[in-house]
Amino acid sequence: MGKIKDTMAKMKCSECGRITHYTKRNKKKVKEKLSLSKYCNFCRKNTTHTESK
C-alpha cells in the first residue's frame, strides 16, 4: 500500500485578502476548495478563510 500525499494549502482571508494560515489537504479525498472559519490577526476577528493558489 502506498501513502496518500497531503499537499499544503494556503488559506486566504475573505475580508482583507491576506494569506494568514496554511493547512494540509488531501486532493484525492477533498475535490472542492476548503472553506474554514479562522481567526485573522489583521482583521482581529473570526472570518471565513478560503483556499487560494
PDB file of N, CA and C in Angstrom:
ATOM      1  N   MET A   1       0.834  -1.189   0.000  1.00  0.00           N
ATOM      2  CA  MET A   1       0.000   0.000   0.000  1.00  0.00           C
ATOM      3  C   MET A   1       0.872   1.243   0.000  1.00  0.00           C
ATOM      4  N   GLY A   2       0.499   2.194  -0.823  1.00  0.00           N
ATOM      5  CA  GLY A   2       1.241   3.439  -0.895  1.00  0.00           C
ATOM      6  C   GLY A   2       0.624   4.499  -0.008  1.00  0.00           C
ATOM      7  N   LYS A   3       1.429   5.452   0.359  1.00  0.00           N
ATOM      8  CA  LYS A   3       0.928   6.557   1.167  1.00  0.00           C
ATOM      9  C   LYS A   3       0.174   7.543   0.290  1.00  0.00           C
ATOM     10  N   ILE A   4      -0.863   8.123   0.835  1.00  0.00           N
ATOM     11  CA  ILE A   4      -1.587   9.185   0.140  1.00  0.00           C
ATOM     12  C   ILE A   4      -0.923  10.499   0.532  1.00  0.00           C
ATOM     13  N   LYS A   5      -0.525  11.270  -0.466  1.00  0.00           N
ATOM     14  CA  LYS A   5       0.203  12.507  -0.199  1.00  0.00           C
ATOM     15  C   LYS A   5      -0.760  13.644   0.121  1.00  0.00           C
ATOM     16  N   ASP A   6      -0.453  14.348   1.194  1.00  0.00           N
ATOM     17  CA  ASP A   6      -1.176  15.564   1.530  1.00  0.00           C
ATOM     18  C   ASP A   6      -0.389  16.746   0.979  1.00  0.00           C
ATOM     19  N   THR A   7      -1.095  17.730   0.482  1.00  0.00           N
ATOM     20  CA  THR A   7      -0.431  18.922  -0.035  1.00  0.00           C
ATOM     21  C   THR A   7      -0.766  20.104   0.862  1.00  0.00           C
ATOM     22  N   MET A   8       0.135  21.069   0.885  1.00  0.00           N
ATOM     23  CA  MET A   8      -0.092  22.263   1.678  1.00  0.00           C
ATOM     24  C   MET A   8      -1.039  23.191   0.926  1.00  0.00           C
ATOM     25  N   ALA A   9      -1.990  23.759   1.651  1.00  0.00           N
ATOM     26  CA  ALA A   9      -2.950  24.685   1.062  1.00  0.00           C
ATOM     27  C   ALA A   9      -2.862  26.013   1.807  1.00  0.00           C
ATOM     28  N   LYS A  10      -2.824  27.107   1.059  1.00  0.00           N
ATOM     29  CA  LYS A  10      -2.809  28.446   1.649  1.00  0.00           C
ATOM     30  C   LYS A  10      -4.242  28.863   1.917  1.00  0.00           C
ATOM     31  N   MET A  11      -4.496  29.454   3.087  1.00  0.00           N
ATOM     32  CA  MET A  11      -5.829  29.921   3.437  1.00  0.00           C
ATOM     33  C   MET A  11      -5.836  31.448   3.408  1.00  0.00           C
ATOM     34  N   LYS A  12      -6.726  32.010   2.594  1.00  0.00           N
ATOM     35  CA  LYS A  12      -6.795  33.454   2.365  1.00  0.00           C
ATOM     36  C   LYS A  12      -8.036  34.020   3.056  1.00  0.00           C
ATOM     37  N   CYS A  13      -7.874  35.126   3.776  1.00  0.00           N
ATOM     38  CA  CYS A  13      -8.983  35.786   4.461  1.00  0.00           C
ATOM     39  C   CYS A  13      -9.940  36.381   3.434  1.00  0.00           C
ATOM     40  N   SER A  14     -11.236  36.202   3.651  1.00  0.00           N
ATOM     41  CA  SER A  14     -12.224  36.701   2.687  1.00  0.00           C
ATOM     42  C   SER A  14     -12.441  38.208   2.810  1.00  0.00           C
ATOM     43  N   GLU A  15     -12.067  38.807   3.942  1.00  0.00           N
ATOM     44  CA  GLU A  15     -12.287  40.247   4.129  1.00  0.00           C
ATOM     45  C   GLU A  15     -11.076  41.088   3.717  1.00  0.00           C
ATOM     46  N   CYS A  16      -9.894  40.764   4.240  1.00  0.00           N
ATOM     47  CA  CYS A  16      -8.718  41.585   3.915  1.00  0.00           C
ATOM     48  C   CYS A  16      -7.917  41.011   2.749  1.00  0.00           C
ATOM     49  N   GLY A  17      -8.094  39.740   2.413  1.00  0.00           N
ATOM     50  CA  GLY A  17      -7.425  39.137   1.271  1.00  0.00           C
ATOM     51  C   GLY A  17      -6.000  38.679   1.529  1.00  0.00           C
ATOM     52  N   ARG A  18      -5.571  38.650   2.781  1.00  0.00           N
ATOM     53  CA  ARG A  18      -4.206  38.234   3.102  1.00  0.00           C
ATOM     54  C   ARG A  18      -4.167  36.740   3.407  1.00  0.00           C
ATOM     55  N   ILE A  19      -3.045  36.129   3.099  1.00  0.00           N
ATOM     56  CA  ILE A  19      -2.845  34.717   3.413  1.00  0.00           C
ATOM     57  C   ILE A  19      -2.305  34.647   4.837  1.00  0.00           C
ATOM     58  N   THR A  20      -3.095  34.087   5.746  1.00  0.00           N
ATOM     59  CA  THR A  20      -2.723  34.079   7.156  1.00  0.00           C
ATOM     60  C   THR A  20      -2.555  32.681   7.730  1.00  0.00           C
ATOM     61  N   HIS A  21      -3.032  31.650   7.051  1.00  0.00           N
ATOM     62  CA  HIS A  21      -2.950  30.286   7.571  1.00  0.00           C
ATOM     63  C   HIS A  21      -2.546  29.318   6.472  1.00  0.00           C
ATOM     64  N   TYR A  22      -1.938  28.208   6.891  1.00  0.00           N
ATOM     65  CA  TYR A  22      -1.600  27.105   5.997  1.00  0.00           C
ATOM     66  C   TYR A  22      -2.163  25.833   6.613  1.00  0.00           C
ATOM     67  N   THR A  23      -2.613  24.905   5.777  1.00  0.00           N
ATOM     68  CA  THR A  23      -3.143  23.646   6.264  1.00  0.00           C
ATOM     69  C   THR A  23      -2.842  22.546   5.257  1.00  0.00           C
ATOM     70  N   LYS A  24      -2.932  21.298   5.697  1.00  0.00           N
ATOM     71  CA  LYS A  24      -2.729  20.167   4.798  1.00  0.00           C
ATOM     72  C   LYS A  24      -4.063  19.734   4.220  1.00  0.00           C
ATOM     73  N   ARG A  25      -4.023  19.265   2.969  1.00  0.00           N
ATOM     74  CA  ARG A  25      -5.247  18.862   2.288  1.00  0.00           C
ATOM     75  C   ARG A  25      -4.946  17.661   1.395  1.00  0.00           C
ATOM     76  N   ASN A  26      -5.831  16.669   1.411  1.00  0.00           N
ATOM     77  CA  ASN A  26      -5.701  15.510   0.544  1.00  0.00           C
ATOM     78  C   ASN A  26      -6.515  15.768  -0.714  1.00  0.00           C
ATOM     79  N   LYS A  27      -5.846  15.907  -1.861  1.00  0.00           N
ATOM     80  CA  LYS A  27      -6.527  16.258  -3.107  1.00  0.00           C
ATOM     81  C   LYS A  27      -7.421  15.142  -3.629  1.00  0.00           C
ATOM     82  N   LYS A  28      -7.108  13.889  -3.295  1.00  0.00           N
ATOM     83  CA  LYS A  28      -7.913  12.772  -3.791  1.00  0.00           C
ATOM     84  C   LYS A  28      -9.237  12.648  -3.045  1.00  0.00           C
ATOM     85  N   LYS A  29      -9.257  12.966  -1.762  1.00  0.00           N
ATOM     86  CA  LYS A  29     -10.481  12.833  -0.966  1.00  0.00           C
ATOM     87  C   LYS A  29     -11.353  14.082  -1.020  1.00  0.00           C
ATOM     88  N   VAL A  30     -10.733  15.258  -1.012  1.00  0.00           N
ATOM     89  CA  VAL A  30     -11.469  16.525  -0.996  1.00  0.00           C
ATOM     90  C   VAL A  30     -11.288  17.193  -2.356  1.00  0.00           C
ATOM     91  N   LYS A  31     -12.331  17.203  -3.171  1.00  0.00           N
ATOM     92  CA  LYS A  31     -12.235  17.739  -4.535  1.00  0.00           C
ATOM     93  C   LYS A  31     -12.430  19.254  -4.585  1.00  0.00           C
ATOM     94  N   GLU A  32     -13.349  19.799  -3.771  1.00  0.00           N
ATOM     95  CA  GLU A  32     -13.641  21.229  -3.817  1.00  0.00           C
ATOM     96  C   GLU A  32     -12.679  22.005  -2.910  1.00  0.00           C
ATOM     97  N   LYS A  33     -12.678  23.311  -3.050  1.00  0.00           N
ATOM     98  CA  LYS A  33     -11.804  24.166  -2.249  1.00  0.00           C
ATOM     99  C   LYS A  33     -12.261  24.169  -0.794  1.00  0.00           C
ATOM    100  N   LEU A  34     -11.295  24.265   0.115  1.00  0.00           N
ATOM    101  CA  LEU A  34     -11.601  24.329   1.539  1.00  0.00           C
ATOM    102  C   LEU A  34     -12.125  25.711   1.901  1.00  0.00           C
ATOM    103  N   SER A  35     -13.029  25.742   2.853  1.00  0.00           N
ATOM    104  CA  SER A  35     -13.548  26.996   3.379  1.00  0.00           C
ATOM    105  C   SER A  35     -13.750  26.808   4.880  1.00  0.00           C
ATOM    106  N   LEU A  36     -12.913  27.477   5.677  1.00  0.00           N
ATOM    107  CA  LEU A  36     -12.940  27.307   7.121  1.00  0.00           C
ATOM    108  C   LEU A  36     -13.057  28.653   7.821  1.00  0.00           C
ATOM    109  N   SER A  37     -13.610  28.628   9.022  1.00  0.00           N
ATOM    110  CA  SER A  37     -13.677  29.830   9.839  1.00  0.00           C
ATOM    111  C   SER A  37     -12.431  29.862  10.718  1.00  0.00           C
ATOM    112  N   LYS A  38     -11.601  30.876  10.527  1.00  0.00           N
ATOM    113  CA  LYS A  38     -10.352  31.011  11.266  1.00  0.00           C
ATOM    114  C   LYS A  38     -10.207  32.443  11.778  1.00  0.00           C
ATOM    115  N   TYR A  39      -9.311  32.626  12.750  1.00  0.00           N
ATOM    116  CA  TYR A  39      -9.029  33.955  13.284  1.00  0.00           C
ATOM    117  C   TYR A  39      -8.002  34.654  12.397  1.00  0.00           C
ATOM    118  N   CYS A  40      -8.287  35.888  12.000  1.00  0.00           N
ATOM    119  CA  CYS A  40      -7.365  36.694  11.203  1.00  0.00           C
ATOM    120  C   CYS A  40      -6.726  37.743  12.110  1.00  0.00           C
ATOM    121  N   ASN A  41      -5.389  37.759  12.163  1.00  0.00           N
ATOM    122  CA  ASN A  41      -4.670  38.712  13.014  1.00  0.00           C
ATOM    123  C   ASN A  41      -4.803  40.144  12.516  1.00  0.00           C
ATOM    124  N   PHE A  42      -4.983  40.322  11.211  1.00  0.00           N
ATOM    125  CA  PHE A  42      -5.069  41.661  10.647  1.00  0.00           C
ATOM    126  C   PHE A  42      -6.459  42.259  10.843  1.00  0.00           C
ATOM    127  N   CYS A  43      -7.505  41.441  10.697  1.00  0.00           N
ATOM    128  CA  CYS A  43      -8.878  41.912  10.916  1.00  0.00           C
ATOM    129  C   CYS A  43      -9.254  41.876  12.399  1.00  0.00           C
ATOM    130  N   ARG A  44      -8.518  41.095  13.171  1.00  0.00           N
ATOM    131  CA  ARG A  44      -8.751  40.887  14.602  1.00  0.00           C
ATOM    132  C   ARG A  44     -10.147  40.338  14.900  1.00  0.00           C
ATOM    133  N   LYS A  45     -10.575  39.368  14.088  1.00  0.00           N
ATOM    134  CA  LYS A  45     -11.847  38.681  14.327  1.00  0.00           C
ATOM    135  C   LYS A  45     -11.869  37.387  13.527  1.00  0.00           C
ATOM    136  N   ASN A  46     -12.848  36.538  13.821  1.00  0.00           N
ATOM    137  CA  ASN A  46     -13.015  35.305  13.066  1.00  0.00           C
ATOM    138  C   ASN A  46     -13.668  35.617  11.732  1.00  0.00           C
ATOM    139  N   THR A  47     -13.049  35.151  10.648  1.00  0.00           N
ATOM    140  CA  THR A  47     -13.577  35.355   9.305  1.00  0.00           C
ATOM    141  C   THR A  47     -13.497  34.039   8.541  1.00  0.00           C
ATOM    142  N   THR A  48     -14.160  33.984   7.414  1.00  0.00           N
ATOM    143  CA  THR A  48     -14.092  32.813   6.561  1.00  0.00           C
ATOM    144  C   THR A  48     -12.807  32.868   5.749  1.00  0.00           C
ATOM    145  N   HIS A  49     -12.046  31.794   5.804  1.00  0.00           N
ATOM    146  CA  HIS A  49     -10.812  31.676   5.035  1.00  0.00           C
ATOM    147  C   HIS A  49     -11.037  30.620   3.964  1.00  0.00           C
ATOM    148  N   THR A  50     -10.711  30.954   2.726  1.00  0.00           N
ATOM    149  CA  THR A  50     -10.866  30.018   1.622  1.00  0.00           C
ATOM    150  C   THR A  50      -9.496  29.668   1.055  1.00  0.00           C
ATOM    151  N   GLU A  51      -9.421  28.521   0.440  1.00  0.00           N
ATOM    152  CA  GLU A  51      -8.161  28.061  -0.135  1.00  0.00           C
ATOM    153  C   GLU A  51      -7.801  28.893  -1.360  1.00  0.00           C
ATOM    154  N   SER A  52      -6.526  29.247  -1.471  1.00  0.00           N
ATOM    155  CA  SER A  52      -6.055  30.004  -2.630  1.00  0.00           C
ATOM    156  C   SER A  52      -4.879  29.272  -3.255  1.00  0.00           C
ATOM    157  N   LYS A  53      -4.439  29.740  -4.409  1.00  0.00           N
ATOM    158  CA  LYS A  53      -3.328  29.082  -5.111  1.00  0.00           C
ATOM    159  C   LYS A  53      -1.996  29.460  -4.529  1.00  0.00           C
TER     160      LYS A  53
END
